[in-house]
Amino acid sequence: MKMILVLDNIRSCYNVGAILRTAEGFGVEKVVLSGYTPRVHDKALLPHLRAKLDKEIHKTALGAEDLLSIYACDDIKTELLGLQKQGWQIVGLENNIVSDKLVRLDDQRLTDRLSDKVVLVLGEEVHGIDNSLHDIINLFVEIPMKGKKESFNVSVAAGIAIYGLLSK
């Protein structure tokens, strides 16, 4: 399976860095940064601001930010629709939603529902994927939880989901 990872509205530089490190470790093809997700090596920023963000992201990415194909996107909905037209399946990582498109990551039927080219969308740390993207997402995956908390940190969830999907 090939995978593109979308980080949409992730607030924390540390989460972005940790996700980039995980993505590189699992061989993710590309990473798309959208919304207010902190950008790495963003030439549109003033040099001192770019250096500050790069330093923060590097603390957890540990160089993965220089090994991945990463690009920023200002219109993620249009970007996702374009990827769909190229044959990519859009998969959102979510929990606590009611949808007939929701499948648990440990569901044996998930393998049959996955394409060989997946775009995994991660949304904002607290509120998840923006509702405006729900209609174009082909499938939602949910990580089953046994504890009392309702969710994992987005960087931890990303690692679980990337591994879970790529191992199908």
N, C-alpha and C. Protein backbone atom coordinates (compact mmCIF):
# COMPACT_ATOMS: atom_id res chain seq x y z
N MET A 1 0.84 -1.18 0.00
CA MET A 1 0.00 0.00 0.00
C MET A 1 0.88 1.24 0.00
N LYS A 2 0.47 2.24 -0.78
CA LYS A 2 1.11 3.55 -0.76
C LYS A 2 0.27 4.46 0.12
N MET A 3 0.96 5.39 0.81
CA MET A 3 0.22 6.29 1.70
C MET A 3 0.73 7.71 1.59
N ILE A 4 -0.23 8.63 1.51
CA ILE A 4 0.02 10.06 1.67
C ILE A 4 -0.64 10.44 2.99
N LEU A 5 0.01 11.28 3.76
CA LEU A 5 -0.50 11.69 5.06
C LEU A 5 -0.85 13.17 5.01
N VAL A 6 -2.04 13.52 5.49
CA VAL A 6 -2.47 14.92 5.55
C VAL A 6 -2.60 15.32 7.01
N LEU A 7 -1.90 16.40 7.38
CA LEU A 7 -2.02 16.98 8.72
C LEU A 7 -2.79 18.28 8.57
N ASP A 8 -4.06 18.26 8.94
CA ASP A 8 -4.93 19.42 8.77
C ASP A 8 -5.25 20.04 10.13
N ASN A 9 -4.81 21.25 10.32
CA ASN A 9 -5.09 22.01 11.55
C ASN A 9 -4.51 21.37 12.81
N ILE A 10 -3.35 20.77 12.70
CA ILE A 10 -2.64 20.27 13.88
C ILE A 10 -1.96 21.48 14.52
N ARG A 11 -2.17 21.72 15.77
CA ARG A 11 -1.67 22.95 16.42
C ARG A 11 -0.23 22.86 16.89
N SER A 12 0.19 21.73 17.39
CA SER A 12 1.46 21.60 18.09
C SER A 12 2.63 21.25 17.16
N CYS A 13 3.69 22.04 17.25
CA CYS A 13 4.92 21.72 16.51
C CYS A 13 5.46 20.36 16.93
N TYR A 14 5.33 20.06 18.21
CA TYR A 14 5.83 18.77 18.71
C TYR A 14 5.04 17.60 18.12
N ASN A 15 3.72 17.76 18.01
CA ASN A 15 2.92 16.71 17.37
C ASN A 15 3.30 16.57 15.90
N VAL A 16 3.49 17.69 15.21
CA VAL A 16 3.88 17.65 13.80
C VAL A 16 5.20 16.92 13.66
N GLY A 17 6.18 17.28 14.48
CA GLY A 17 7.49 16.63 14.40
C GLY A 17 7.42 15.14 14.67
N ALA A 18 6.67 14.76 15.70
CA ALA A 18 6.54 13.34 16.04
C ALA A 18 5.85 12.57 14.91
N ILE A 19 4.85 13.17 14.31
CA ILE A 19 4.14 12.51 13.20
C ILE A 19 5.07 12.38 11.99
N LEU A 20 5.86 13.40 11.72
CA LEU A 20 6.80 13.33 10.59
C LEU A 20 7.82 12.21 10.81
N ARG A 21 8.30 12.10 12.02
CA ARG A 21 9.27 11.04 12.33
C ARG A 21 8.65 9.65 12.13
N THR A 22 7.43 9.48 12.59
CA THR A 22 6.72 8.22 12.41
C THR A 22 6.45 7.95 10.94
N ALA A 23 6.00 8.97 10.22
CA ALA A 23 5.70 8.81 8.79
C ALA A 23 6.94 8.38 8.02
N GLU A 24 8.08 8.98 8.33
CA GLU A 24 9.32 8.62 7.64
C GLU A 24 9.70 7.18 7.99
N GLY A 25 9.53 6.81 9.23
CA GLY A 25 9.88 5.45 9.67
C GLY A 25 9.05 4.38 9.00
N PHE A 26 7.82 4.69 8.66
CA PHE A 26 6.94 3.71 8.02
C PHE A 26 6.91 3.84 6.49
N GLY A 27 7.67 4.78 5.94
CA GLY A 27 7.76 4.89 4.49
C GLY A 27 6.60 5.59 3.82
N VAL A 28 5.98 6.53 4.51
CA VAL A 28 4.90 7.31 3.91
C VAL A 28 5.46 8.08 2.70
N GLU A 29 4.71 8.09 1.60
CA GLU A 29 5.16 8.70 0.34
C GLU A 29 5.34 10.21 0.44
N LYS A 30 4.31 10.88 0.97
CA LYS A 30 4.30 12.35 1.05
C LYS A 30 3.52 12.76 2.28
N VAL A 31 3.80 13.99 2.73
CA VAL A 31 3.03 14.58 3.82
C VAL A 31 2.54 15.94 3.36
N VAL A 32 1.26 16.19 3.54
CA VAL A 32 0.65 17.46 3.17
C VAL A 32 0.29 18.19 4.46
N LEU A 33 0.74 19.44 4.57
CA LEU A 33 0.43 20.28 5.73
C LEU A 33 -0.62 21.30 5.30
N SER A 34 -1.73 21.35 6.02
CA SER A 34 -2.80 22.28 5.63
C SER A 34 -3.41 22.95 6.84
N GLY A 35 -4.24 23.95 6.55
CA GLY A 35 -4.86 24.70 7.63
C GLY A 35 -3.80 25.47 8.40
N TYR A 36 -3.92 25.48 9.71
CA TYR A 36 -2.94 26.21 10.52
C TYR A 36 -1.83 25.31 11.06
N THR A 37 -1.67 24.13 10.49
CA THR A 37 -0.58 23.24 10.87
C THR A 37 0.75 23.97 10.67
N PRO A 38 1.63 23.95 11.66
CA PRO A 38 2.94 24.61 11.50
C PRO A 38 3.70 23.98 10.33
N ARG A 39 4.25 24.86 9.50
CA ARG A 39 4.99 24.42 8.32
C ARG A 39 6.48 24.30 8.66
N VAL A 40 7.12 23.32 8.09
CA VAL A 40 8.56 23.17 8.22
C VAL A 40 9.20 23.76 6.97
N HIS A 41 10.31 24.45 7.14
CA HIS A 41 11.07 25.08 6.04
C HIS A 41 10.17 25.98 5.18
N ASP A 42 9.29 26.73 5.81
CA ASP A 42 8.32 27.57 5.11
C ASP A 42 8.98 28.88 4.65
N LYS A 43 9.27 28.96 3.36
CA LYS A 43 9.94 30.14 2.81
C LYS A 43 9.04 31.38 2.81
N ALA A 44 7.74 31.19 3.03
CA ALA A 44 6.83 32.32 3.09
C ALA A 44 6.93 33.08 4.42
N LEU A 45 7.56 32.47 5.41
CA LEU A 45 7.71 33.12 6.71
C LEU A 45 8.97 33.96 6.77
N LEU A 46 8.95 34.96 7.63
CA LEU A 46 10.17 35.71 7.90
C LEU A 46 11.22 34.76 8.44
N PRO A 47 12.48 34.99 8.12
CA PRO A 47 13.53 34.03 8.50
C PRO A 47 13.56 33.66 9.98
N HIS A 48 13.35 34.62 10.86
CA HIS A 48 13.41 34.30 12.30
C HIS A 48 12.22 33.44 12.73
N LEU A 49 11.06 33.65 12.12
CA LEU A 49 9.90 32.82 12.44
C LEU A 49 10.06 31.41 11.88
N ARG A 50 10.58 31.32 10.64
CA ARG A 50 10.84 30.02 10.04
C ARG A 50 11.84 29.23 10.88
N ALA A 51 12.89 29.89 11.34
CA ALA A 51 13.91 29.22 12.15
C ALA A 51 13.31 28.72 13.46
N LYS A 52 12.42 29.51 14.05
CA LYS A 52 11.78 29.11 15.32
C LYS A 52 10.91 27.86 15.12
N LEU A 53 10.07 27.87 14.08
CA LEU A 53 9.21 26.71 13.82
C LEU A 53 10.04 25.49 13.46
N ASP A 54 11.04 25.67 12.60
CA ASP A 54 11.90 24.54 12.22
C ASP A 54 12.57 23.92 13.44
N LYS A 55 13.03 24.76 14.36
CA LYS A 55 13.69 24.27 15.57
C LYS A 55 12.72 23.47 16.44
N GLU A 56 11.50 23.97 16.59
CA GLU A 56 10.49 23.28 17.41
C GLU A 56 10.10 21.94 16.78
N ILE A 57 9.88 21.94 15.48
CA ILE A 57 9.50 20.69 14.81
C ILE A 57 10.64 19.69 14.86
N HIS A 58 11.87 20.17 14.70
CA HIS A 58 13.04 19.30 14.71
C HIS A 58 13.23 18.58 16.05
N LYS A 59 12.75 19.19 17.15
CA LYS A 59 12.92 18.57 18.48
C LYS A 59 12.32 17.17 18.52
N THR A 60 11.24 16.94 17.81
CA THR A 60 10.63 15.61 17.81
C THR A 60 10.79 14.89 16.47
N ALA A 61 10.98 15.62 15.39
CA ALA A 61 11.17 14.97 14.08
C ALA A 61 12.58 14.40 13.94
N LEU A 62 13.54 15.03 14.60
CA LEU A 62 14.94 14.56 14.61
C LEU A 62 15.51 14.29 13.22
N GLY A 63 15.20 15.17 12.28
CA GLY A 63 15.75 15.05 10.93
C GLY A 63 14.81 14.43 9.92
N ALA A 64 13.74 13.81 10.37
CA ALA A 64 12.78 13.21 9.43
C ALA A 64 12.17 14.28 8.52
N GLU A 65 12.11 15.50 9.02
CA GLU A 65 11.54 16.61 8.23
C GLU A 65 12.37 16.88 6.97
N ASP A 66 13.63 16.45 6.96
CA ASP A 66 14.49 16.65 5.80
C ASP A 66 14.52 15.43 4.88
N LEU A 67 13.93 14.34 5.30
CA LEU A 67 13.94 13.10 4.52
C LEU A 67 12.63 12.85 3.78
N LEU A 68 11.57 13.50 4.22
CA LEU A 68 10.24 13.29 3.64
C LEU A 68 9.95 14.30 2.53
N SER A 69 9.06 13.90 1.65
CA SER A 69 8.50 14.84 0.68
C SER A 69 7.32 15.52 1.38
N ILE A 70 7.47 16.80 1.69
CA ILE A 70 6.47 17.55 2.45
C ILE A 70 6.07 18.78 1.65
N TYR A 71 4.78 19.03 1.56
CA TYR A 71 4.36 20.28 0.93
C TYR A 71 3.15 20.86 1.66
N ALA A 72 3.00 22.17 1.54
CA ALA A 72 1.88 22.88 2.17
C ALA A 72 0.78 23.08 1.13
N CYS A 73 -0.43 23.10 1.63
CA CYS A 73 -1.59 23.25 0.76
C CYS A 73 -2.56 24.23 1.41
N ASP A 74 -3.00 25.22 0.64
CA ASP A 74 -3.93 26.22 1.18
C ASP A 74 -5.39 25.81 1.04
N ASP A 75 -5.69 24.89 0.12
CA ASP A 75 -7.07 24.46 -0.10
C ASP A 75 -7.12 22.94 -0.06
N ILE A 76 -7.24 22.40 1.13
CA ILE A 76 -7.14 20.95 1.31
C ILE A 76 -8.30 20.20 0.65
N LYS A 77 -9.46 20.79 0.62
CA LYS A 77 -10.59 20.10 -0.01
C LYS A 77 -10.33 19.87 -1.50
N THR A 78 -9.86 20.90 -2.18
CA THR A 78 -9.54 20.77 -3.60
C THR A 78 -8.40 19.78 -3.81
N GLU A 79 -7.41 19.82 -2.92
CA GLU A 79 -6.28 18.89 -3.00
C GLU A 79 -6.76 17.44 -2.86
N LEU A 80 -7.63 17.19 -1.88
CA LEU A 80 -8.14 15.83 -1.67
C LEU A 80 -8.99 15.37 -2.85
N LEU A 81 -9.80 16.26 -3.39
CA LEU A 81 -10.61 15.89 -4.57
C LEU A 81 -9.71 15.55 -5.76
N GLY A 82 -8.62 16.28 -5.91
CA GLY A 82 -7.66 15.99 -6.98
C GLY A 82 -7.01 14.63 -6.79
N LEU A 83 -6.64 14.32 -5.55
CA LEU A 83 -6.04 13.00 -5.26
C LEU A 83 -7.05 11.88 -5.51
N GLN A 84 -8.32 12.12 -5.17
CA GLN A 84 -9.35 11.11 -5.46
C GLN A 84 -9.44 10.83 -6.95
N LYS A 85 -9.39 11.89 -7.75
CA LYS A 85 -9.45 11.72 -9.21
C LYS A 85 -8.26 10.93 -9.74
N GLN A 86 -7.15 10.95 -8.99
CA GLN A 86 -5.96 10.19 -9.38
C GLN A 86 -5.99 8.76 -8.82
N GLY A 87 -7.11 8.38 -8.20
CA GLY A 87 -7.27 7.01 -7.72
C GLY A 87 -6.90 6.78 -6.26
N TRP A 88 -6.68 7.83 -5.52
CA TRP A 88 -6.36 7.70 -4.09
C TRP A 88 -7.65 7.62 -3.28
N GLN A 89 -7.68 6.74 -2.31
CA GLN A 89 -8.80 6.61 -1.39
C GLN A 89 -8.54 7.53 -0.19
N ILE A 90 -9.53 8.34 0.17
CA ILE A 90 -9.37 9.28 1.27
C ILE A 90 -9.92 8.61 2.53
N VAL A 91 -9.03 8.44 3.54
CA VAL A 91 -9.38 7.79 4.79
C VAL A 91 -9.14 8.77 5.93
N GLY A 92 -10.16 8.99 6.72
CA GLY A 92 -10.04 9.90 7.86
C GLY A 92 -9.86 9.13 9.15
N LEU A 93 -8.97 9.59 10.00
CA LEU A 93 -8.81 9.00 11.33
C LEU A 93 -9.70 9.77 12.28
N GLU A 94 -10.72 9.12 12.80
CA GLU A 94 -11.70 9.78 13.66
C GLU A 94 -12.17 8.83 14.75
N ASN A 95 -12.80 9.40 15.72
CA ASN A 95 -13.47 8.61 16.75
C ASN A 95 -14.71 9.37 17.18
N ASN A 96 -15.59 8.67 17.82
CA ASN A 96 -16.81 9.29 18.35
C ASN A 96 -17.65 9.99 17.29
N ILE A 97 -17.70 9.41 16.10
CA ILE A 97 -18.62 9.93 15.09
C ILE A 97 -19.59 8.82 14.73
N VAL A 98 -20.74 9.22 14.25
CA VAL A 98 -21.72 8.25 13.78
C VAL A 98 -21.72 8.34 12.26
N SER A 99 -21.30 7.27 11.62
CA SER A 99 -21.23 7.24 10.16
C SER A 99 -21.20 5.79 9.70
N ASP A 100 -21.88 5.53 8.60
CA ASP A 100 -21.82 4.19 8.03
C ASP A 100 -20.46 3.96 7.35
N LYS A 101 -19.65 5.00 7.24
CA LYS A 101 -18.31 4.89 6.66
C LYS A 101 -17.25 4.61 7.74
N LEU A 102 -17.66 4.46 9.00
CA LEU A 102 -16.72 4.26 10.10
C LEU A 102 -16.44 2.77 10.31
N VAL A 103 -15.12 2.43 10.34
CA VAL A 103 -14.68 1.05 10.56
C VAL A 103 -13.59 1.08 11.61
N ARG A 104 -13.66 0.14 12.54
CA ARG A 104 -12.60 0.03 13.55
C ARG A 104 -11.33 -0.51 12.89
N LEU A 105 -10.20 -0.03 13.36
CA LEU A 105 -8.92 -0.44 12.80
C LEU A 105 -8.67 -1.94 12.95
N ASP A 106 -9.28 -2.55 13.96
CA ASP A 106 -9.10 -3.99 14.17
C ASP A 106 -10.19 -4.84 13.50
N ASP A 107 -11.07 -4.23 12.73
CA ASP A 107 -12.14 -4.96 12.05
C ASP A 107 -11.55 -5.75 10.88
N GLN A 108 -11.80 -7.04 10.84
CA GLN A 108 -11.26 -7.91 9.78
C GLN A 108 -11.73 -7.49 8.39
N ARG A 109 -12.89 -6.83 8.32
CA ARG A 109 -13.43 -6.42 7.02
C ARG A 109 -12.74 -5.17 6.46
N LEU A 110 -11.91 -4.52 7.28
CA LEU A 110 -11.24 -3.30 6.83
C LEU A 110 -10.35 -3.56 5.62
N THR A 111 -9.66 -4.68 5.61
CA THR A 111 -8.76 -5.02 4.51
C THR A 111 -9.49 -4.98 3.17
N ASP A 112 -10.71 -5.49 3.14
CA ASP A 112 -11.49 -5.53 1.91
C ASP A 112 -11.95 -4.15 1.47
N ARG A 113 -11.98 -3.21 2.38
CA ARG A 113 -12.48 -1.87 2.07
C ARG A 113 -11.37 -0.89 1.72
N LEU A 114 -10.11 -1.32 1.84
CA LEU A 114 -8.98 -0.42 1.58
C LEU A 114 -8.44 -0.55 0.16
N SER A 115 -8.06 0.56 -0.39
CA SER A 115 -7.40 0.61 -1.68
C SER A 115 -5.90 0.40 -1.49
N ASP A 116 -5.17 0.29 -2.58
CA ASP A 116 -3.72 0.18 -2.47
C ASP A 116 -3.05 1.55 -2.45
N LYS A 117 -3.84 2.62 -2.58
CA LYS A 117 -3.35 4.01 -2.49
C LYS A 117 -4.26 4.77 -1.54
N VAL A 118 -3.73 5.08 -0.34
CA VAL A 118 -4.54 5.69 0.72
C VAL A 118 -3.98 7.05 1.11
N VAL A 119 -4.87 8.01 1.24
CA VAL A 119 -4.55 9.30 1.84
C VAL A 119 -5.15 9.28 3.24
N LEU A 120 -4.30 9.31 4.26
CA LEU A 120 -4.77 9.31 5.64
C LEU A 120 -4.83 10.74 6.14
N VAL A 121 -6.03 11.18 6.53
CA VAL A 121 -6.24 12.55 6.99
C VAL A 121 -6.33 12.57 8.51
N LEU A 122 -5.49 13.41 9.12
CA LEU A 122 -5.52 13.64 10.57
C LEU A 122 -6.01 15.06 10.80
N GLY A 123 -6.90 15.22 11.76
CA GLY A 123 -7.45 16.54 12.03
C GLY A 123 -6.97 17.12 13.34
N GLU A 124 -7.53 18.23 13.68
CA GLU A 124 -7.16 19.01 14.86
C GLU A 124 -7.21 18.15 16.13
N GLU A 125 -6.29 18.42 17.04
CA GLU A 125 -6.09 17.58 18.22
C GLU A 125 -7.34 17.35 19.07
N VAL A 126 -8.18 18.35 19.23
CA VAL A 126 -9.36 18.21 20.09
C VAL A 126 -10.62 17.92 19.29
N HIS A 127 -10.82 18.63 18.20
CA HIS A 127 -12.09 18.54 17.47
C HIS A 127 -12.06 17.60 16.27
N GLY A 128 -10.89 17.08 15.92
CA GLY A 128 -10.81 16.12 14.83
C GLY A 128 -10.83 16.77 13.46
N ILE A 129 -11.24 15.99 12.49
CA ILE A 129 -11.27 16.43 11.10
C ILE A 129 -12.41 17.42 10.91
N ASP A 130 -12.10 18.50 10.22
CA ASP A 130 -13.10 19.54 9.95
C ASP A 130 -14.32 18.93 9.26
N ASN A 131 -15.50 19.27 9.73
CA ASN A 131 -16.74 18.72 9.19
C ASN A 131 -16.90 18.96 7.68
N SER A 132 -16.30 20.03 7.17
CA SER A 132 -16.44 20.34 5.74
C SER A 132 -15.75 19.29 4.86
N LEU A 133 -14.90 18.45 5.45
CA LEU A 133 -14.21 17.41 4.69
C LEU A 133 -14.90 16.06 4.76
N HIS A 134 -15.85 15.90 5.69
CA HIS A 134 -16.48 14.60 5.92
C HIS A 134 -17.15 14.02 4.67
N ASP A 135 -17.74 14.88 3.85
CA ASP A 135 -18.47 14.36 2.68
C ASP A 135 -17.55 13.79 1.61
N ILE A 136 -16.28 14.19 1.57
CA ILE A 136 -15.39 13.66 0.53
C ILE A 136 -14.50 12.52 1.05
N ILE A 137 -14.59 12.22 2.32
CA ILE A 137 -13.82 11.12 2.89
C ILE A 137 -14.53 9.81 2.57
N ASN A 138 -13.79 8.88 1.96
CA ASN A 138 -14.36 7.60 1.54
C ASN A 138 -14.62 6.66 2.70
N LEU A 139 -13.76 6.74 3.71
CA LEU A 139 -13.81 5.80 4.82
C LEU A 139 -13.19 6.46 6.06
N PHE A 140 -13.79 6.22 7.19
CA PHE A 140 -13.21 6.66 8.46
C PHE A 140 -12.72 5.43 9.21
N VAL A 141 -11.55 5.54 9.82
CA VAL A 141 -11.07 4.47 10.69
C VAL A 141 -11.01 4.99 12.12
N GLU A 142 -11.31 4.08 13.03
CA GLU A 142 -11.33 4.40 14.45
C GLU A 142 -10.43 3.42 15.18
N ILE A 143 -9.62 3.93 16.08
CA ILE A 143 -8.76 3.08 16.89
C ILE A 143 -9.58 2.62 18.10
N PRO A 144 -9.74 1.31 18.30
CA PRO A 144 -10.50 0.85 19.46
C PRO A 144 -9.75 1.17 20.75
N MET A 145 -10.49 1.61 21.75
CA MET A 145 -9.89 1.97 23.04
C MET A 145 -10.58 1.20 24.15
N LYS A 146 -9.81 0.86 25.17
CA LYS A 146 -10.36 0.11 26.30
C LYS A 146 -10.40 0.91 27.59
N GLY A 147 -9.64 1.99 27.64
CA GLY A 147 -9.58 2.80 28.86
C GLY A 147 -10.73 3.78 28.96
N LYS A 148 -10.63 4.69 29.89
CA LYS A 148 -11.68 5.68 30.12
C LYS A 148 -11.54 6.91 29.23
N LYS A 149 -10.33 7.19 28.76
CA LYS A 149 -10.12 8.34 27.88
C LYS A 149 -10.78 8.07 26.53
N GLU A 150 -11.21 9.14 25.87
CA GLU A 150 -11.91 8.99 24.59
C GLU A 150 -11.00 8.98 23.38
N SER A 151 -9.74 9.42 23.57
CA SER A 151 -8.87 9.49 22.41
C SER A 151 -7.40 9.44 22.82
N PHE A 152 -6.55 9.18 21.83
CA PHE A 152 -5.11 9.25 22.01
C PHE A 152 -4.62 10.61 21.56
N ASN A 153 -3.41 10.98 21.97
CA ASN A 153 -2.75 12.14 21.39
C ASN A 153 -2.65 11.91 19.89
N VAL A 154 -2.76 12.96 19.09
CA VAL A 154 -2.79 12.80 17.64
C VAL A 154 -1.52 12.16 17.10
N SER A 155 -0.38 12.43 17.72
CA SER A 155 0.85 11.82 17.20
C SER A 155 0.89 10.32 17.52
N VAL A 156 0.37 9.94 18.67
CA VAL A 156 0.29 8.51 19.02
C VAL A 156 -0.73 7.82 18.12
N ALA A 157 -1.88 8.46 17.94
CA ALA A 157 -2.92 7.90 17.07
C ALA A 157 -2.41 7.74 15.64
N ALA A 158 -1.63 8.72 15.18
CA ALA A 158 -1.07 8.64 13.83
C ALA A 158 -0.21 7.40 13.69
N GLY A 159 0.65 7.14 14.66
CA GLY A 159 1.51 5.97 14.61
C GLY A 159 0.73 4.67 14.58
N ILE A 160 -0.28 4.59 15.42
CA ILE A 160 -1.12 3.39 15.47
C ILE A 160 -1.83 3.19 14.13
N ALA A 161 -2.42 4.27 13.61
CA ALA A 161 -3.19 4.18 12.37
C ALA A 161 -2.30 3.88 11.17
N ILE A 162 -1.16 4.55 11.07
CA ILE A 162 -0.27 4.30 9.94
C ILE A 162 0.18 2.84 9.94
N TYR A 163 0.63 2.37 11.09
CA TYR A 163 1.05 0.97 11.18
C TYR A 163 -0.12 0.03 10.88
N GLY A 164 -1.27 0.32 11.48
CA GLY A 164 -2.44 -0.55 11.29
C GLY A 164 -2.88 -0.64 9.85
N LEU A 165 -2.86 0.47 9.15
CA LEU A 165 -3.30 0.47 7.75
C LEU A 165 -2.25 -0.16 6.84
N LEU A 166 -0.98 0.19 7.04
CA LEU A 166 0.07 -0.34 6.17
C LEU A 166 0.30 -1.84 6.36
N SER A 167 -0.14 -2.37 7.50
CA SER A 167 0.05 -3.80 7.75
C SER A 167 -1.14 -4.63 7.25
N LYS A 168 -2.14 -3.99 6.66
CA LYS A 168 -3.31 -4.71 6.14
C LYS A 168 -2.98 -5.37 4.81
